[in-house]
Each structure stands twice: as C-alpha cells, then as structure tokens.
C-alpha cells in the first residue's frame, strides 16, 4: 500500500499500483529473445506496463519493485525477493496503474543502482 500512497501524493489523484509477474511463454535459455518494455490499456482504464523476457538466476523470485514518482515521471526499479534454486528462469515483471487521468512517462530500470533506464514509454490514460 505505500506505493499507492506515494503515487497519490505525487500526482494529486488517487492512483493505485499493483506489481505482478508471470513466466515467459515458449522461451529457451540457450537462445533467449531480446527483452522489451511494453504497455497496454485495459477496457476498465487500468494501464499495465511490463518487461518481457527478464532472465534471473533463481526460480521462485517475487517481483517487488521500488517506485519513484516525480510529477508525470514514474521510475520503476526492478527488485526481487526470495528465490529457491540457482537455475535461470524467465519472468515478465509488470506494474498495473489504476486511476490514471493523464499521460505518464514510465522509466524502467533493470539493475539496482542503474542511472540510465532500460527503456522509457509514455502511457496514456484511456
């Protein structure tokens, strides 16, 4: 819930954020496809932003991002907790925004301490 509060204070609108993750479909670690940042707007007004083909060195990780908001700029810093085995696994970490009433620029950072984003997308409220 602190993430929702952070967005509320920075944007002056009641915006909620929910991190989630899924496994990748039909991916082979020997020949992984490139990772990309994508987004989509749902019919209910929610905006989902995700990174495809995110390879991590452990299975069973939980996506627990650090979110930094500065006006219309939202930074997502990937962070992972847990982990079970030392085996490469493909994830699709995602963040869903609800209650957006304007355009936001989402900057996605992959590694802790990165100062240059992996990618940036402008998401528009439906």
Protein backbone atom coordinates (compact mmCIF):
# COMPACT_ATOMS: atom_id res chain seq x y z
CA UNK A 1 0.00 0.00 0.00
CA UNK A 2 2.88 2.52 0.42
CA UNK A 3 3.28 2.56 -3.38
CA UNK A 4 -0.33 3.64 -3.85
CA UNK A 5 0.13 6.37 -1.27
CA UNK A 6 3.32 7.55 -2.97
CA UNK A 7 1.51 7.91 -6.29
CA UNK A 8 -1.43 9.66 -4.63
CA UNK A 9 0.81 12.29 -3.03
CA UNK A 10 2.90 12.90 -6.16
CA UNK A 11 0.08 13.01 -8.70
CA UNK A 12 -2.70 14.56 -6.60
CA UNK A 13 -5.10 11.92 -7.96
CA UNK A 14 -5.98 8.62 -6.26
CA UNK A 15 -3.81 6.23 -8.30
CA UNK A 16 -3.09 2.69 -7.23
CA UNK A 17 -0.25 0.47 -8.38
CA UNK A 18 0.00 -3.30 -8.30
CA UNK A 19 3.18 -5.23 -9.13
CA UNK A 20 2.83 -8.70 -10.62
CA UNK A 21 4.81 -11.26 -12.56
CA UNK A 22 4.34 -14.16 -14.91
CA UNK A 23 6.57 -16.71 -16.52
CA UNK A 24 7.59 -16.36 -20.17
CA UNK A 25 5.95 -18.43 -22.89
CA UNK A 26 7.95 -20.72 -25.17
CA UNK A 27 11.41 -19.39 -24.31
CA UNK A 28 14.67 -21.32 -24.43
CA UNK A 29 17.54 -20.01 -22.26
CA UNK A 30 20.02 -21.08 -24.96
CA UNK A 31 18.55 -18.60 -27.46
CA UNK A 32 16.58 -16.01 -25.47
CA UNK A 33 14.70 -13.31 -27.34
CA UNK A 34 15.52 -9.70 -26.53
CA UNK A 35 13.82 -8.11 -23.56
CA UNK A 36 11.41 -5.28 -24.37
CA UNK A 37 9.28 -2.81 -22.42
CA UNK A 38 5.62 -2.89 -23.39
CA UNK A 39 2.32 -1.45 -22.21
CA UNK A 40 -1.40 -1.80 -22.78
CA UNK A 41 -4.58 -0.08 -21.67
CA UNK A 42 -7.42 -2.28 -20.44
CA UNK A 43 -11.08 -1.51 -21.07
CA UNK A 44 -11.54 -0.74 -17.36
CA UNK A 45 -8.98 2.09 -17.56
CA UNK A 46 -6.07 0.23 -15.97
CA UNK A 47 -2.64 0.60 -17.59
CA UNK A 48 -0.25 -2.37 -17.48
CA UNK A 49 3.48 -1.89 -18.16
CA UNK A 50 5.78 -4.93 -18.30
CA UNK A 51 9.25 -6.10 -19.30
CA UNK A 52 9.26 -9.20 -21.44
CA UNK A 53 11.93 -11.90 -21.24
CA UNK A 54 13.57 -10.89 -17.96
CA UNK A 55 16.05 -13.63 -17.10
CA UNK A 56 17.03 -14.12 -13.47
CA UNK A 57 19.42 -16.61 -11.90
CA UNK A 58 16.87 -18.09 -9.47
CA UNK A 59 13.42 -19.63 -9.64
CA UNK A 60 10.68 -18.64 -7.20
CA UNK A 61 11.55 -14.95 -7.10
CA UNK A 62 8.92 -12.34 -6.21
CA UNK A 63 8.88 -9.04 -8.14
CA UNK A 64 8.99 -6.25 -5.53
CA UNK A 65 9.80 -3.02 -7.41
CA UNK A 66 10.89 0.30 -5.99
CA UNK A 67 8.73 3.08 -7.45
CA UNK A 68 9.86 6.71 -7.59
CA UNK A 69 7.40 9.38 -8.72
CA UNK A 70 8.23 12.92 -9.81
CA UNK A 71 5.15 14.60 -11.25
CA UNK A 72 4.30 12.83 -14.51
CA UNK A 73 7.50 10.74 -14.45
CA UNK A 74 7.34 7.32 -12.81
CA UNK A 75 10.51 5.29 -12.32
CA UNK A 76 10.20 1.54 -11.83
CA UNK A 77 13.34 -0.03 -10.34
CA UNK A 78 13.27 -3.80 -10.57
CA UNK A 79 13.84 -5.56 -7.28
CA UNK A 80 13.36 -9.25 -6.48
CA UNK A 81 12.95 -11.10 -3.19
CA UNK A 82 13.05 -14.77 -2.28
CA UNK A 83 14.40 -17.30 -4.69
CA UNK A 84 14.68 -21.06 -4.44
CA UNK A 85 17.18 -22.63 -6.79
CA UNK A 86 20.19 -21.45 -8.73
CA UNK A 87 18.61 -22.01 -12.11
CA UNK A 88 17.91 -19.47 -14.85
CA UNK A 89 14.24 -18.61 -15.20
CA UNK A 90 12.37 -16.20 -17.46
CA UNK A 91 9.95 -13.74 -15.87
CA UNK A 92 7.67 -10.98 -17.12
CA UNK A 93 7.56 -8.42 -14.29
CA UNK A 94 4.67 -5.97 -14.59
CA UNK A 95 3.17 -2.94 -12.89
CA UNK A 96 -0.52 -2.06 -13.24
CA UNK A 97 -1.69 1.51 -12.67
CA UNK A 98 -5.33 2.30 -11.93
CA UNK A 99 -6.91 5.75 -11.70
CA UNK A 100 -4.60 7.50 -14.17
CA UNK A 101 -6.17 10.67 -15.55
CA UNK A 102 -3.23 11.88 -17.64
CA UNK A 103 -0.18 10.78 -19.58
CA UNK A 104 2.71 9.39 -17.56
CA UNK A 105 6.26 8.69 -18.64
CA UNK A 106 7.39 5.33 -17.23
CA UNK A 107 11.13 4.76 -16.96
CA UNK A 108 12.10 1.15 -16.26
CA UNK A 109 15.41 0.33 -14.56
CA UNK A 110 16.64 -3.28 -14.52
CA UNK A 111 19.54 -3.40 -12.07
CA UNK A 112 19.91 -1.80 -8.67
CA UNK A 113 21.93 1.36 -8.96
CA UNK A 114 21.21 1.90 -12.67
CA UNK A 115 21.14 5.59 -13.59
CA UNK A 116 20.10 5.06 -17.21
CA UNK A 117 16.73 3.37 -17.78
CA UNK A 118 16.47 0.10 -19.70
CA UNK A 119 13.66 1.75 -21.66
CA UNK A 120 11.05 4.51 -21.40
CA UNK A 121 7.42 4.54 -22.51
CA UNK A 122 4.74 7.22 -22.46
CA UNK A 123 1.43 5.73 -21.30
CA UNK A 124 -1.85 7.50 -21.87
CA UNK A 125 -4.98 7.25 -19.84
CA UNK A 126 -7.82 5.73 -21.87
